[in-house]
Amino acid sequence: MALLLVIDDDEGMRKLMVRTLSGGNHQVIEAENGREGLKLMDQHKPDVVITDILMPQKEGIETIREVQERAPNTRIIAVSGGGMSHNLMFLDVARAFGADAVLAKPFRPAQLVEMVEQVLGALR
């Protein structure tokens, strides 16, 4: 069983991701912004952090950089719904700053589950 941290300021999207990922063999915790997410990361040491890119109080790229500094073995999945063309740019930047995988919103729940399993497979 893996511990997953979902960080997204959009409550509906965050709840959808938590519901989707809780259905498997994983424990899921959630945060509404990067600042809160980093506090939870320090407390709980998740295996995977799934973070939105555009958020108030600490955006996703900065969150990704801090996760890498604090816990280099933690896998990171970046998600973004910043519009089709902007979305790809944000996700490219996220990958350049260390995200192990990226996923454009909207996505199917099965895509998220598959991506989590892929990054967890890299830990084993």
N, C-alpha and C. Protein backbone atom coordinates (compact mmCIF):
# COMPACT_ATOMS: atom_id res chain seq x y z
N MET A 1 0.85 -1.18 0.00
CA MET A 1 0.00 0.00 0.00
C MET A 1 0.89 1.24 0.00
N ALA A 2 0.54 2.19 -0.86
CA ALA A 2 1.31 3.43 -0.96
C ALA A 2 0.52 4.58 -0.35
N LEU A 3 1.26 5.58 0.10
CA LEU A 3 0.65 6.80 0.60
C LEU A 3 0.76 7.86 -0.49
N LEU A 4 -0.38 8.43 -0.88
CA LEU A 4 -0.44 9.43 -1.94
C LEU A 4 -0.91 10.75 -1.36
N LEU A 5 -0.32 11.84 -1.81
CA LEU A 5 -0.73 13.19 -1.42
C LEU A 5 -1.23 13.91 -2.66
N VAL A 6 -2.49 14.33 -2.63
CA VAL A 6 -3.11 15.06 -3.73
C VAL A 6 -3.19 16.53 -3.34
N ILE A 7 -2.62 17.41 -4.17
CA ILE A 7 -2.64 18.86 -3.92
C ILE A 7 -3.33 19.53 -5.10
N ASP A 8 -4.47 20.15 -4.83
CA ASP A 8 -5.21 20.86 -5.89
C ASP A 8 -6.15 21.86 -5.22
N ASP A 9 -6.15 23.09 -5.71
CA ASP A 9 -7.01 24.12 -5.13
C ASP A 9 -8.47 23.98 -5.55
N ASP A 10 -8.74 23.24 -6.62
CA ASP A 10 -10.11 23.01 -7.08
C ASP A 10 -10.67 21.84 -6.27
N GLU A 11 -11.58 22.16 -5.34
CA GLU A 11 -12.08 21.15 -4.43
C GLU A 11 -12.74 19.97 -5.16
N GLY A 12 -13.51 20.25 -6.19
CA GLY A 12 -14.17 19.18 -6.94
C GLY A 12 -13.16 18.24 -7.59
N MET A 13 -12.15 18.79 -8.21
CA MET A 13 -11.11 17.97 -8.85
C MET A 13 -10.33 17.19 -7.80
N ARG A 14 -10.00 17.86 -6.70
CA ARG A 14 -9.25 17.19 -5.63
C ARG A 14 -10.04 16.01 -5.07
N LYS A 15 -11.31 16.23 -4.81
CA LYS A 15 -12.16 15.16 -4.26
C LYS A 15 -12.29 14.01 -5.25
N LEU A 16 -12.39 14.33 -6.54
CA LEU A 16 -12.47 13.30 -7.57
C LEU A 16 -11.19 12.45 -7.57
N MET A 17 -10.04 13.10 -7.50
CA MET A 17 -8.78 12.37 -7.48
C MET A 17 -8.67 11.51 -6.23
N VAL A 18 -9.06 12.07 -5.09
CA VAL A 18 -8.99 11.31 -3.83
C VAL A 18 -9.90 10.09 -3.90
N ARG A 19 -11.13 10.27 -4.37
CA ARG A 19 -12.08 9.15 -4.51
C ARG A 19 -11.53 8.09 -5.45
N THR A 20 -11.02 8.53 -6.58
CA THR A 20 -10.48 7.60 -7.59
C THR A 20 -9.33 6.78 -7.02
N LEU A 21 -8.43 7.44 -6.34
CA LEU A 21 -7.23 6.76 -5.85
C LEU A 21 -7.46 5.98 -4.56
N SER A 22 -8.46 6.35 -3.79
CA SER A 22 -8.78 5.64 -2.56
C SER A 22 -9.40 4.28 -2.85
N GLY A 23 -9.93 4.12 -4.05
CA GLY A 23 -10.55 2.85 -4.42
C GLY A 23 -9.57 1.72 -4.59
N GLY A 24 -8.31 2.03 -4.71
CA GLY A 24 -7.28 1.00 -4.88
C GLY A 24 -6.71 0.59 -3.53
N ASN A 25 -5.47 0.19 -3.55
CA ASN A 25 -4.80 -0.25 -2.32
C ASN A 25 -4.01 0.87 -1.68
N HIS A 26 -4.42 2.12 -1.92
CA HIS A 26 -3.61 3.24 -1.47
C HIS A 26 -4.33 4.06 -0.40
N GLN A 27 -3.53 4.67 0.45
CA GLN A 27 -4.03 5.65 1.40
C GLN A 27 -3.81 7.01 0.76
N VAL A 28 -4.80 7.90 0.85
CA VAL A 28 -4.71 9.19 0.18
C VAL A 28 -4.97 10.31 1.18
N ILE A 29 -4.08 11.31 1.18
CA ILE A 29 -4.29 12.53 1.95
C ILE A 29 -4.36 13.68 0.96
N GLU A 30 -4.93 14.80 1.39
CA GLU A 30 -5.16 15.89 0.44
C GLU A 30 -4.86 17.26 1.05
N ALA A 31 -4.52 18.18 0.14
CA ALA A 31 -4.25 19.57 0.52
C ALA A 31 -4.78 20.48 -0.56
N GLU A 32 -5.17 21.70 -0.17
CA GLU A 32 -5.76 22.62 -1.14
C GLU A 32 -4.77 23.58 -1.77
N ASN A 33 -3.52 23.55 -1.32
CA ASN A 33 -2.49 24.39 -1.94
C ASN A 33 -1.11 23.83 -1.61
N GLY A 34 -0.10 24.35 -2.27
CA GLY A 34 1.24 23.84 -2.08
C GLY A 34 1.78 24.01 -0.68
N ARG A 35 1.47 25.11 -0.05
CA ARG A 35 1.95 25.36 1.31
C ARG A 35 1.43 24.28 2.27
N GLU A 36 0.13 24.04 2.20
CA GLU A 36 -0.49 23.01 3.04
C GLU A 36 0.05 21.62 2.65
N GLY A 37 0.22 21.41 1.35
CA GLY A 37 0.72 20.13 0.87
C GLY A 37 2.12 19.81 1.38
N LEU A 38 2.99 20.81 1.40
CA LEU A 38 4.35 20.59 1.90
C LEU A 38 4.36 20.26 3.39
N LYS A 39 3.47 20.89 4.15
CA LYS A 39 3.37 20.56 5.58
C LYS A 39 2.96 19.10 5.75
N LEU A 40 1.95 18.67 4.98
CA LEU A 40 1.52 17.27 5.06
C LEU A 40 2.62 16.32 4.58
N MET A 41 3.36 16.73 3.57
CA MET A 41 4.45 15.91 3.07
C MET A 41 5.50 15.69 4.16
N ASP A 42 5.86 16.76 4.86
CA ASP A 42 6.85 16.64 5.93
C ASP A 42 6.35 15.74 7.06
N GLN A 43 5.06 15.80 7.35
CA GLN A 43 4.48 15.00 8.44
C GLN A 43 4.32 13.53 8.07
N HIS A 44 3.87 13.26 6.84
CA HIS A 44 3.44 11.91 6.48
C HIS A 44 4.38 11.15 5.53
N LYS A 45 5.30 11.84 4.87
CA LYS A 45 6.27 11.21 3.96
C LYS A 45 5.58 10.34 2.89
N PRO A 46 4.77 10.94 2.02
CA PRO A 46 4.08 10.15 1.00
C PRO A 46 5.05 9.58 -0.04
N ASP A 47 4.60 8.51 -0.68
CA ASP A 47 5.37 7.89 -1.75
C ASP A 47 5.24 8.69 -3.05
N VAL A 48 4.04 9.26 -3.27
CA VAL A 48 3.75 10.02 -4.48
C VAL A 48 3.03 11.31 -4.12
N VAL A 49 3.46 12.40 -4.74
CA VAL A 49 2.76 13.69 -4.64
C VAL A 49 2.16 13.99 -6.00
N ILE A 50 0.86 14.26 -6.02
CA ILE A 50 0.16 14.65 -7.25
C ILE A 50 -0.23 16.10 -7.05
N THR A 51 0.32 16.99 -7.86
CA THR A 51 0.08 18.41 -7.64
C THR A 51 -0.41 19.12 -8.89
N ASP A 52 -1.37 20.00 -8.67
CA ASP A 52 -1.80 20.92 -9.72
C ASP A 52 -0.68 21.93 -9.93
N ILE A 53 -0.71 22.61 -11.05
CA ILE A 53 0.32 23.61 -11.32
C ILE A 53 -0.12 25.01 -10.89
N LEU A 54 -1.30 25.43 -11.31
CA LEU A 54 -1.77 26.78 -11.00
C LEU A 54 -2.61 26.77 -9.73
N MET A 55 -2.02 27.31 -8.64
CA MET A 55 -2.69 27.35 -7.33
C MET A 55 -2.27 28.61 -6.59
N PRO A 56 -3.14 29.08 -5.71
CA PRO A 56 -2.75 30.20 -4.85
C PRO A 56 -1.85 29.72 -3.71
N GLN A 57 -1.16 30.63 -3.08
CA GLN A 57 -0.34 30.44 -1.88
C GLN A 57 0.93 29.64 -2.08
N LYS A 58 1.05 28.84 -3.07
CA LYS A 58 2.29 28.20 -3.48
C LYS A 58 1.94 27.38 -4.71
N GLU A 59 2.41 27.83 -5.85
CA GLU A 59 2.03 27.16 -7.10
C GLU A 59 2.80 25.85 -7.27
N GLY A 60 2.40 25.09 -8.26
CA GLY A 60 2.90 23.74 -8.43
C GLY A 60 4.38 23.60 -8.76
N ILE A 61 4.92 24.48 -9.58
CA ILE A 61 6.34 24.37 -9.94
C ILE A 61 7.20 24.55 -8.70
N GLU A 62 6.87 25.55 -7.90
CA GLU A 62 7.60 25.77 -6.65
C GLU A 62 7.42 24.58 -5.70
N THR A 63 6.22 24.04 -5.65
CA THR A 63 5.95 22.87 -4.82
C THR A 63 6.80 21.69 -5.28
N ILE A 64 6.87 21.46 -6.58
CA ILE A 64 7.68 20.37 -7.13
C ILE A 64 9.14 20.53 -6.71
N ARG A 65 9.66 21.73 -6.84
CA ARG A 65 11.07 21.99 -6.47
C ARG A 65 11.31 21.69 -4.99
N GLU A 66 10.37 22.10 -4.14
CA GLU A 66 10.55 21.87 -2.70
C GLU A 66 10.39 20.40 -2.33
N VAL A 67 9.49 19.70 -3.00
CA VAL A 67 9.35 18.25 -2.75
C VAL A 67 10.67 17.58 -3.08
N GLN A 68 11.27 17.92 -4.20
CA GLN A 68 12.55 17.32 -4.61
C GLN A 68 13.65 17.60 -3.59
N GLU A 69 13.68 18.82 -3.07
CA GLU A 69 14.71 19.18 -2.09
C GLU A 69 14.53 18.41 -0.79
N ARG A 70 13.28 18.31 -0.34
CA ARG A 70 13.00 17.71 0.97
C ARG A 70 12.97 16.18 0.93
N ALA A 71 12.51 15.62 -0.17
CA ALA A 71 12.33 14.16 -0.26
C ALA A 71 12.61 13.71 -1.69
N PRO A 72 13.88 13.61 -2.06
CA PRO A 72 14.24 13.32 -3.45
C PRO A 72 13.70 11.99 -3.99
N ASN A 73 13.36 11.05 -3.13
CA ASN A 73 12.84 9.76 -3.60
C ASN A 73 11.33 9.76 -3.80
N THR A 74 10.67 10.83 -3.42
CA THR A 74 9.22 10.93 -3.61
C THR A 74 8.93 11.14 -5.09
N ARG A 75 8.00 10.37 -5.63
CA ARG A 75 7.59 10.51 -7.02
C ARG A 75 6.59 11.65 -7.13
N ILE A 76 6.65 12.39 -8.25
CA ILE A 76 5.79 13.56 -8.44
C ILE A 76 5.04 13.44 -9.76
N ILE A 77 3.73 13.65 -9.68
CA ILE A 77 2.89 13.73 -10.87
C ILE A 77 2.30 15.14 -10.90
N ALA A 78 2.53 15.85 -11.99
CA ALA A 78 1.98 17.20 -12.16
C ALA A 78 0.74 17.11 -13.04
N VAL A 79 -0.32 17.83 -12.64
CA VAL A 79 -1.54 17.91 -13.44
C VAL A 79 -1.85 19.38 -13.69
N SER A 80 -2.43 19.65 -14.87
CA SER A 80 -2.78 21.03 -15.17
C SER A 80 -3.95 21.08 -16.13
N GLY A 81 -4.81 22.05 -15.90
CA GLY A 81 -5.93 22.29 -16.79
C GLY A 81 -5.89 23.71 -17.31
N GLY A 82 -4.72 24.23 -17.55
CA GLY A 82 -4.55 25.62 -17.94
C GLY A 82 -4.89 25.92 -19.39
N GLY A 83 -5.80 25.16 -19.98
CA GLY A 83 -6.13 25.37 -21.40
C GLY A 83 -5.22 24.53 -22.26
N MET A 84 -5.66 24.12 -23.41
CA MET A 84 -4.92 23.15 -24.20
C MET A 84 -3.49 23.60 -24.52
N SER A 85 -3.31 24.78 -25.05
CA SER A 85 -1.95 25.18 -25.39
C SER A 85 -1.14 25.53 -24.15
N HIS A 86 -1.74 26.27 -23.22
CA HIS A 86 -1.03 26.63 -21.99
C HIS A 86 -0.76 25.39 -21.15
N ASN A 87 -1.71 24.46 -21.16
CA ASN A 87 -1.59 23.23 -20.40
C ASN A 87 -0.30 22.51 -20.75
N LEU A 88 -0.04 22.34 -22.04
CA LEU A 88 1.16 21.64 -22.47
C LEU A 88 2.42 22.39 -22.03
N MET A 89 2.40 23.70 -22.11
CA MET A 89 3.55 24.49 -21.69
C MET A 89 3.80 24.30 -20.18
N PHE A 90 2.75 24.40 -19.37
CA PHE A 90 2.91 24.23 -17.92
C PHE A 90 3.44 22.84 -17.59
N LEU A 91 2.92 21.84 -18.28
CA LEU A 91 3.34 20.47 -18.01
C LEU A 91 4.78 20.23 -18.47
N ASP A 92 5.20 20.85 -19.57
CA ASP A 92 6.59 20.75 -20.00
C ASP A 92 7.52 21.37 -18.96
N VAL A 93 7.12 22.51 -18.42
CA VAL A 93 7.92 23.17 -17.39
C VAL A 93 7.97 22.30 -16.13
N ALA A 94 6.84 21.70 -15.76
CA ALA A 94 6.81 20.83 -14.59
C ALA A 94 7.77 19.66 -14.76
N ARG A 95 7.78 19.07 -15.93
CA ARG A 95 8.69 17.95 -16.19
C ARG A 95 10.14 18.43 -16.12
N ALA A 96 10.42 19.61 -16.67
CA ALA A 96 11.78 20.16 -16.63
C ALA A 96 12.24 20.42 -15.20
N PHE A 97 11.30 20.73 -14.31
CA PHE A 97 11.65 21.01 -12.92
C PHE A 97 11.60 19.77 -12.04
N GLY A 98 11.32 18.60 -12.66
CA GLY A 98 11.47 17.37 -11.89
C GLY A 98 10.25 16.48 -11.74
N ALA A 99 9.12 16.83 -12.32
CA ALA A 99 7.97 15.93 -12.23
C ALA A 99 8.31 14.63 -12.95
N ASP A 100 7.98 13.50 -12.34
CA ASP A 100 8.23 12.19 -12.94
C ASP A 100 7.24 11.88 -14.04
N ALA A 101 6.05 12.47 -13.94
CA ALA A 101 5.00 12.25 -14.94
C ALA A 101 4.10 13.47 -14.96
N VAL A 102 3.41 13.66 -16.07
CA VAL A 102 2.48 14.79 -16.20
C VAL A 102 1.17 14.29 -16.80
N LEU A 103 0.08 14.98 -16.44
CA LEU A 103 -1.24 14.59 -16.90
C LEU A 103 -2.07 15.85 -17.13
N ALA A 104 -2.60 15.98 -18.34
CA ALA A 104 -3.42 17.15 -18.68
C ALA A 104 -4.86 16.94 -18.23
N LYS A 105 -5.43 17.98 -17.63
CA LYS A 105 -6.86 17.97 -17.29
C LYS A 105 -7.63 18.42 -18.52
N PRO A 106 -8.80 17.92 -18.77
CA PRO A 106 -9.44 16.84 -18.02
C PRO A 106 -8.85 15.49 -18.41
N PHE A 107 -8.88 14.56 -17.48
CA PHE A 107 -8.39 13.22 -17.73
C PHE A 107 -9.42 12.22 -17.20
N ARG A 108 -9.32 11.01 -17.70
CA ARG A 108 -10.21 9.95 -17.21
C ARG A 108 -9.62 9.39 -15.91
N PRO A 109 -10.45 9.01 -14.96
CA PRO A 109 -9.93 8.45 -13.71
C PRO A 109 -8.94 7.30 -13.95
N ALA A 110 -9.22 6.47 -14.93
CA ALA A 110 -8.33 5.34 -15.22
C ALA A 110 -6.93 5.81 -15.62
N GLN A 111 -6.84 6.96 -16.28
CA GLN A 111 -5.52 7.50 -16.66
C GLN A 111 -4.72 7.87 -15.41
N LEU A 112 -5.39 8.46 -14.43
CA LEU A 112 -4.71 8.83 -13.19
C LEU A 112 -4.23 7.59 -12.45
N VAL A 113 -5.09 6.59 -12.34
CA VAL A 113 -4.71 5.35 -11.66
C VAL A 113 -3.50 4.71 -12.36
N GLU A 114 -3.54 4.66 -13.68
CA GLU A 114 -2.44 4.07 -14.44
C GLU A 114 -1.13 4.83 -14.22
N MET A 115 -1.22 6.15 -14.20
CA MET A 115 -0.02 6.96 -14.00
C MET A 115 0.56 6.74 -12.61
N VAL A 116 -0.30 6.67 -11.60
CA VAL A 116 0.18 6.41 -10.23
C VAL A 116 0.89 5.06 -10.18
N GLU A 117 0.31 4.06 -10.80
CA GLU A 117 0.93 2.73 -10.80
C GLU A 117 2.27 2.75 -11.52
N GLN A 118 2.37 3.53 -12.59
CA GLN A 118 3.64 3.63 -13.32
C GLN A 118 4.73 4.24 -12.43
N VAL A 119 4.43 5.34 -11.78
CA VAL A 119 5.48 5.98 -10.95
C VAL A 119 5.79 5.14 -9.72
N LEU A 120 4.81 4.43 -9.20
CA LEU A 120 5.08 3.54 -8.06
C LEU A 120 5.95 2.38 -8.51
N GLY A 121 5.75 1.90 -9.73
CA GLY A 121 6.57 0.82 -10.27
C GLY A 121 8.03 1.21 -10.34
N ALA A 122 8.29 2.50 -10.55
CA ALA A 122 9.66 2.99 -10.61
C ALA A 122 10.32 2.98 -9.23
N LEU A 123 9.51 2.95 -8.17
CA LEU A 123 10.05 2.91 -6.80
C LEU A 123 10.47 1.50 -6.40
N ARG A 124 9.87 0.51 -7.04
CA ARG A 124 10.11 -0.89 -6.62
C ARG A 124 11.34 -1.47 -7.23
